[in-house]
Structure formats: C-alpha cells, structure tokens
N, C-alpha and C. Protein backbone atom coordinates (compact mmCIF):
# COMPACT_ATOMS: atom_id res chain seq x y z
N MET A 1 74.03 194.81 263.11
CA MET A 1 75.41 194.87 263.73
C MET A 1 76.22 193.44 263.32
N LYS A 2 77.62 193.68 263.24
CA LYS A 2 78.38 192.28 262.86
C LYS A 2 78.44 191.80 263.75
N SER A 3 79.07 190.25 263.70
CA SER A 3 79.03 189.08 264.55
C SER A 3 80.20 188.99 265.15
N GLY A 4 80.27 188.54 266.38
CA GLY A 4 81.77 188.95 267.25
C GLY A 4 81.08 188.79 268.87
N LYS A 5 82.15 189.42 269.56
CA LYS A 5 82.20 189.47 270.89
C LYS A 5 81.77 190.79 270.92
N PHE A 6 80.62 191.34 271.98
CA PHE A 6 80.43 192.39 272.09
C PHE A 6 80.17 192.47 273.46
N TYR A 7 80.76 193.91 274.49
CA TYR A 7 80.80 194.02 275.88
C TYR A 7 79.61 195.36 276.02
N LEU A 8 79.21 195.40 276.94
CA LEU A 8 78.38 196.23 277.73
C LEU A 8 79.00 197.50 278.52
N VAL A 9 79.15 198.41 278.68
CA VAL A 9 79.72 199.33 279.55
C VAL A 9 79.98 198.36 280.95
N THR A 10 79.17 198.07 281.37
CA THR A 10 79.29 197.14 282.68
C THR A 10 80.35 196.14 282.68
N GLU A 11 80.24 195.33 281.44
CA GLU A 11 81.67 194.42 281.78
C GLU A 11 82.28 195.16 280.88
N VAL A 12 82.95 195.95 280.38
CA VAL A 12 83.98 196.30 280.18
C VAL A 12 84.67 197.30 281.36
N CYS A 13 83.71 198.11 282.45
CA CYS A 13 84.19 198.89 283.35
C CYS A 13 84.57 197.59 284.39
N ARG A 14 84.07 196.56 284.15
CA ARG A 14 84.49 195.36 285.07
C ARG A 14 85.82 195.16 285.16
N ARG A 15 85.96 194.54 283.74
CA ARG A 15 87.35 193.87 283.17
C ARG A 15 88.35 195.09 283.51
N LEU A 16 88.17 196.20 283.32
CA LEU A 16 89.31 197.17 283.50
C LEU A 16 89.37 197.55 284.72
N GLY A 17 88.28 197.45 285.81
CA GLY A 17 88.81 197.83 286.87
C GLY A 17 88.32 199.33 286.78
N ILE A 18 87.67 199.95 286.35
CA ILE A 18 87.38 201.45 286.11
C ILE A 18 85.75 201.35 286.33
N GLU A 19 85.57 203.00 286.62
CA GLU A 19 84.44 203.51 287.08
C GLU A 19 83.79 204.23 285.57
N PRO A 20 82.53 203.85 285.37
CA PRO A 20 81.60 204.27 283.72
C PRO A 20 82.01 206.07 283.48
N HIS A 21 82.58 206.58 284.53
CA HIS A 21 82.76 208.13 284.14
C HIS A 21 84.20 207.98 283.49
N ILE A 22 85.42 207.06 284.04
CA ILE A 22 86.82 207.12 283.54
C ILE A 22 86.31 206.71 282.35
N LEU A 23 85.48 205.66 281.60
CA LEU A 23 85.53 204.86 280.66
C LEU A 23 84.84 206.01 279.64
N ARG A 24 83.84 207.13 279.97
CA ARG A 24 83.28 208.12 279.58
C ARG A 24 84.60 209.00 278.63
N TYR A 25 85.02 209.55 280.24
CA TYR A 25 86.25 210.10 279.61
C TYR A 25 87.06 209.59 278.56
N TRP A 26 87.77 208.31 278.78
CA TRP A 26 88.63 208.01 277.91
C TRP A 26 88.26 207.72 276.07
N GLU A 27 86.34 207.59 276.13
CA GLU A 27 86.14 207.70 275.30
C GLU A 27 85.94 208.87 274.61
N GLN A 28 86.32 210.03 274.88
CA GLN A 28 86.08 211.33 274.52
C GLN A 28 87.63 211.72 274.06
N GLU A 29 88.91 211.37 274.94
CA GLU A 29 89.85 211.91 275.00
C GLU A 29 90.76 211.09 273.82
N PHE A 30 90.08 209.44 273.84
CA PHE A 30 91.17 208.66 272.81
C PHE A 30 90.21 208.32 271.76
N GLU A 31 89.06 209.05 271.25
CA GLU A 31 88.18 208.89 270.27
C GLU A 31 87.60 207.34 270.12
N ILE A 32 87.35 206.96 271.33
CA ILE A 32 86.78 205.80 270.87
C ILE A 32 85.67 205.83 271.14
N LYS A 33 84.35 205.20 269.64
CA LYS A 33 83.06 205.37 269.54
C LYS A 33 82.47 204.16 269.37
N PRO A 34 81.97 203.52 270.57
CA PRO A 34 81.40 202.58 270.77
C PRO A 34 79.71 202.54 270.08
N ILE A 35 79.64 201.27 269.47
CA ILE A 35 78.12 201.66 268.67
C ILE A 35 76.97 201.50 270.02
N ARG A 36 75.76 201.51 269.43
CA ARG A 36 74.79 201.46 270.17
C ARG A 36 73.58 200.29 269.93
N ASN A 37 73.26 200.06 270.93
CA ASN A 37 72.50 198.52 270.71
C ASN A 37 70.93 199.23 270.44
N SER A 38 70.23 197.93 270.29
CA SER A 38 68.34 198.31 269.81
C SER A 38 68.50 198.89 271.19
N ALA A 39 68.49 198.77 272.79
CA ALA A 39 68.11 199.93 273.28
C ALA A 39 68.83 200.58 274.19
N GLY A 40 69.59 201.17 272.76
CA GLY A 40 70.30 202.34 273.02
C GLY A 40 71.79 202.59 273.93
N ARG A 41 71.99 201.14 274.10
CA ARG A 41 73.17 201.25 275.14
C ARG A 41 74.72 201.24 274.58
N ARG A 42 75.10 201.77 275.06
CA ARG A 42 77.16 201.55 274.77
C ARG A 42 77.54 200.14 274.64
N ILE A 43 77.76 199.72 273.39
CA ILE A 43 78.57 198.27 273.39
C ILE A 43 80.07 198.54 272.84
N TYR A 44 80.99 197.52 272.65
CA TYR A 44 82.37 197.75 272.62
C TYR A 44 82.77 196.55 272.26
N ASN A 45 83.41 196.44 270.81
CA ASN A 45 83.83 195.27 270.22
C ASN A 45 85.29 195.16 270.76
N GLU A 46 85.35 193.81 270.58
CA GLU A 46 87.20 193.66 270.87
C GLU A 46 88.02 194.23 270.66
N ALA A 47 88.31 194.57 269.44
CA ALA A 47 89.59 195.93 269.23
C ALA A 47 89.09 197.03 270.00
N GLN A 48 88.17 197.03 270.28
CA GLN A 48 87.67 198.05 271.37
C GLN A 48 88.50 198.13 272.99
N LEU A 49 88.23 197.13 273.03
CA LEU A 49 88.23 196.53 274.41
C LEU A 49 89.98 196.34 274.60
N GLN A 50 90.51 195.97 273.97
CA GLN A 50 92.16 195.67 273.92
C GLN A 50 92.39 197.34 273.75
N ARG A 51 92.27 197.94 272.88
CA ARG A 51 92.85 199.21 273.13
C ARG A 51 92.32 200.36 274.33
N LEU A 52 90.94 200.20 275.20
CA LEU A 52 91.22 200.47 276.43
C LEU A 52 91.95 199.97 277.64
N GLN A 53 92.30 198.49 277.02
CA GLN A 53 93.07 197.91 278.07
C GLN A 53 94.55 198.50 278.14
N LEU A 54 94.70 199.11 276.91
CA LEU A 54 96.60 199.55 276.47
C LEU A 54 96.43 200.68 276.90
N ILE A 55 95.57 201.34 276.88
CA ILE A 55 95.29 203.01 277.39
C ILE A 55 95.40 202.77 279.28
N LYS A 56 94.90 202.14 279.44
CA LYS A 56 94.61 201.89 280.89
C LYS A 56 96.26 201.42 281.84
N ARG A 57 96.51 200.50 280.53
CA ARG A 57 97.93 200.44 280.86
C ARG A 57 99.13 201.53 281.17
N LEU A 58 99.14 202.42 279.93
CA LEU A 58 99.70 203.37 279.57
C LEU A 58 99.27 204.52 281.06
N VAL A 59 98.18 204.87 281.28
CA VAL A 59 97.93 205.79 282.01
C VAL A 59 98.03 205.34 283.51
N ARG A 60 97.64 204.26 284.29
CA ARG A 60 97.85 203.94 285.30
C ARG A 60 99.31 203.06 285.50
N VAL A 61 99.66 202.47 284.74
CA VAL A 61 100.63 201.76 284.71
C VAL A 61 102.26 202.57 284.41
N GLU A 62 101.94 202.99 283.71
CA GLU A 62 103.04 203.50 282.73
C GLU A 62 102.99 204.88 283.43
N LYS A 63 102.10 205.64 284.11
CA LYS A 63 102.15 206.85 284.58
C LYS A 63 102.23 208.48 283.46
N LEU A 64 101.46 207.94 282.48
CA LEU A 64 101.81 208.83 281.10
C LEU A 64 100.65 209.91 281.48
N THR A 65 101.10 211.14 281.01
CA THR A 65 99.44 211.50 281.23
C THR A 65 98.64 211.47 280.19
N VAL A 66 97.39 211.58 279.94
CA VAL A 66 96.58 211.80 278.77
C VAL A 66 97.12 211.79 277.62
N ALA A 67 97.57 213.11 277.49
CA ALA A 67 98.52 213.33 276.56
C ALA A 67 99.44 212.79 276.21
N GLY A 68 100.46 212.20 276.89
CA GLY A 68 101.53 211.25 276.72
C GLY A 68 101.04 209.97 276.11
N ALA A 69 99.99 209.74 276.90
CA ALA A 69 98.92 207.99 276.38
C ALA A 69 98.42 208.42 274.65
N ARG A 70 98.37 209.66 274.29
CA ARG A 70 97.63 209.90 273.13
C ARG A 70 98.90 209.79 272.29
N ARG A 71 100.17 210.00 272.54
CA ARG A 71 101.41 210.22 271.76
C ARG A 71 101.89 208.91 271.54
N GLN A 72 101.53 208.30 272.70
CA GLN A 72 102.30 206.54 272.56
C GLN A 72 101.35 206.19 271.78
N LEU A 73 100.10 206.15 271.86
CA LEU A 73 99.08 205.16 271.12
C LEU A 73 99.42 205.94 269.55
N SER A 74 99.79 206.91 268.76
CA SER A 74 100.15 207.21 267.51
C SER A 74 101.61 206.84 267.08
N ARG A 75 102.44 206.89 268.51
CA ARG A 75 103.45 206.20 267.71
C ARG A 75 103.82 204.83 267.42
N MET A 76 102.60 204.04 268.10
CA MET A 76 102.37 202.77 268.37
C MET A 76 101.78 202.17 266.94
N SER A 77 100.81 203.13 266.77
CA SER A 77 99.85 202.87 265.54
C SER A 77 100.70 203.08 264.18
N ALA A 78 102.15 203.66 264.07
CA ALA A 78 102.78 204.16 263.26
C ALA A 78 103.68 203.03 263.18
N GLN A 79 103.84 202.02 263.61
CA GLN A 79 104.68 200.98 263.46
C GLN A 79 103.96 199.77 262.83
N PRO A 80 104.68 198.74 262.27
CA PRO A 80 104.26 197.67 261.36
C PRO A 80 103.16 197.29 262.36
N SER A 81 101.87 197.14 261.40
CA SER A 81 100.65 196.18 262.16
C SER A 81 100.87 195.23 262.82
N HIS A 82 102.18 193.97 262.81
CA HIS A 82 102.16 192.81 263.90
C HIS A 82 102.26 193.36 265.35
N VAL A 83 103.16 194.55 265.28
CA VAL A 83 103.60 195.01 266.46
C VAL A 83 102.42 196.06 267.13
N ALA A 84 101.80 196.81 266.19
CA ALA A 84 100.63 198.15 267.08
C ALA A 84 99.26 197.07 267.06
N ALA A 85 98.86 195.93 266.16
CA ALA A 85 97.65 195.40 266.36
C ALA A 85 97.53 193.95 267.05
N SER A 86 98.90 193.67 267.59
CA SER A 86 99.03 192.00 267.80
C SER A 86 98.03 191.85 269.32
N PRO A 87 97.46 190.99 269.31
CA PRO A 87 96.50 190.70 270.53
C PRO A 87 97.63 190.12 271.67
N ASP A 88 98.61 189.77 271.54
CA ASP A 88 99.85 189.26 271.71
C ASP A 88 100.73 190.25 272.57
N HIS A 89 100.38 190.95 274.02
CA HIS A 89 101.42 191.94 274.01
C HIS A 89 102.51 191.97 274.67
N ARG A 90 103.04 190.42 273.86
CA ARG A 90 104.49 190.83 274.27
C ARG A 90 105.24 191.35 273.03
N GLN A 91 104.70 191.48 271.73
CA GLN A 91 105.46 192.54 270.76
C GLN A 91 105.29 193.67 271.34
N THR A 92 104.10 194.49 271.74
CA THR A 92 104.36 195.52 272.16
C THR A 92 105.20 196.01 273.50
N LEU A 93 105.10 195.00 274.32
CA LEU A 93 106.34 195.52 275.37
C LEU A 93 107.79 195.44 274.49
N LEU A 94 108.00 194.31 274.29
CA LEU A 94 109.12 194.64 273.30
C LEU A 94 110.05 195.53 272.78
N TRP A 95 108.63 195.89 271.91
CA TRP A 95 108.57 197.49 270.92
C TRP A 95 109.10 198.76 272.20
N LEU A 96 108.18 198.94 273.50
CA LEU A 96 108.04 200.21 274.36
C LEU A 96 109.41 199.84 274.83
N ARG A 97 110.29 198.30 275.21
CA ARG A 97 111.50 198.16 275.68
C ARG A 97 111.98 198.89 274.85
N LYS A 98 112.38 198.14 273.54
CA LYS A 98 113.28 199.26 272.61
C LYS A 98 113.47 200.51 272.54
N GLU A 99 112.13 201.07 272.76
CA GLU A 99 112.12 202.29 272.80
C GLU A 99 112.51 203.45 273.69
N LEU A 100 112.10 202.83 275.07
CA LEU A 100 113.19 203.28 276.41
C LEU A 100 114.40 202.93 276.58
N VAL A 101 114.90 202.03 276.08
CA VAL A 101 116.26 201.63 276.02
C VAL A 101 117.29 203.25 275.01
N SER A 102 116.41 203.11 273.76
CA SER A 102 116.81 204.50 272.88
C SER A 102 116.77 205.78 272.91
N ILE A 103 115.91 206.11 274.28
CA ILE A 103 115.13 207.10 274.93
C ILE A 103 116.89 207.52 276.12
N SER A 104 116.79 206.19 277.04
CA SER A 104 117.74 206.03 277.89
C SER A 104 119.05 206.64 277.15
N GLY A 105 119.49 206.01 276.09
CA GLY A 105 120.72 206.55 275.57
C GLY A 105 120.69 207.86 275.66
N LEU A 106 119.68 208.56 275.20
CA LEU A 106 119.81 209.90 274.89
C LEU A 106 120.15 210.88 276.06
N LEU A 107 119.28 209.85 277.04
CA LEU A 107 119.49 210.33 278.60
C LEU A 107 121.04 210.45 279.32
N GLU A 108 122.01 209.42 278.78
CA GLU A 108 122.97 209.04 279.44
C GLU A 108 124.17 210.39 278.67
N PRO A 109 124.87 210.88 280.09
CA PRO A 109 125.79 211.61 279.45
C PRO A 109 126.67 211.16 278.01
N GLN A 110 127.01 211.81 277.30
CA GLN A 110 128.15 210.93 276.65
C GLN A 110 129.40 210.80 276.96
N ARG A 111 129.64 209.78 276.79
CA ARG A 111 131.17 209.38 277.39
C ARG A 111 132.35 209.62 276.57
N ARG A 112 133.38 210.37 277.44
CA ARG A 112 134.46 210.58 276.52
C ARG A 112 135.72 209.78 275.82
N THR A 113 136.18 209.71 275.39
CA THR A 113 136.96 208.73 274.46
C THR A 113 138.44 209.52 274.84
C-alpha cells in the first residue's frame, strides 16, 4: 500500500456528515473505488475524500441531482488541472461562478437596441 493518509469508512462518514449507505451509493454512482486493507475494510485516500467532499457540496448545497453532479464533475475534469484538482476550493468556486454568470447570460432575455 502506498504511503499517505488513508481514511476508514467511519472517518469519511464523520468528516462528511453522511451515513455509510450514502457513501456506498456515491461509490457506485460516481465510480469511486476505495482499496481494502488487510482486514478487508474499505479505505479512502486524500484525493477520494476531496472528491467525496465535492460530491457532497454539489448534491447537498448546490442541490444538483446525481446525474447533474456527474455532469458537473465531468465538466470540471475537462478544465485545466489547476482548477479541477486544486485542493484550494477557491479556484473551483471561481470557475463555478464564471460558469453561472455565463449561464445566466443565456437565460436573460436579449435586450433590444
């Protein structure tokens, strides 16, 4: 097993404030594949924990459906790596703001000149 910080299901659930069945559901829906330790328990690395935190924000705060959250994650992964993979969520929020401003421009009725 690689060195680094790993988290058991109980720690991930505690940090995210979710139940284990939600974590299992998100694993399936968002193709998160934790490894298993020698006791057979699922363990998550730091990158997986950050992805789960982002999923939680998209589903619970942004109120996206699972399909919508999947699309958003796909869009984010298509962005430059400094935006998509940055542990600093400020970059992600700035990118999301830019996207929302762009979408709101499409929704506003066109002004007559």
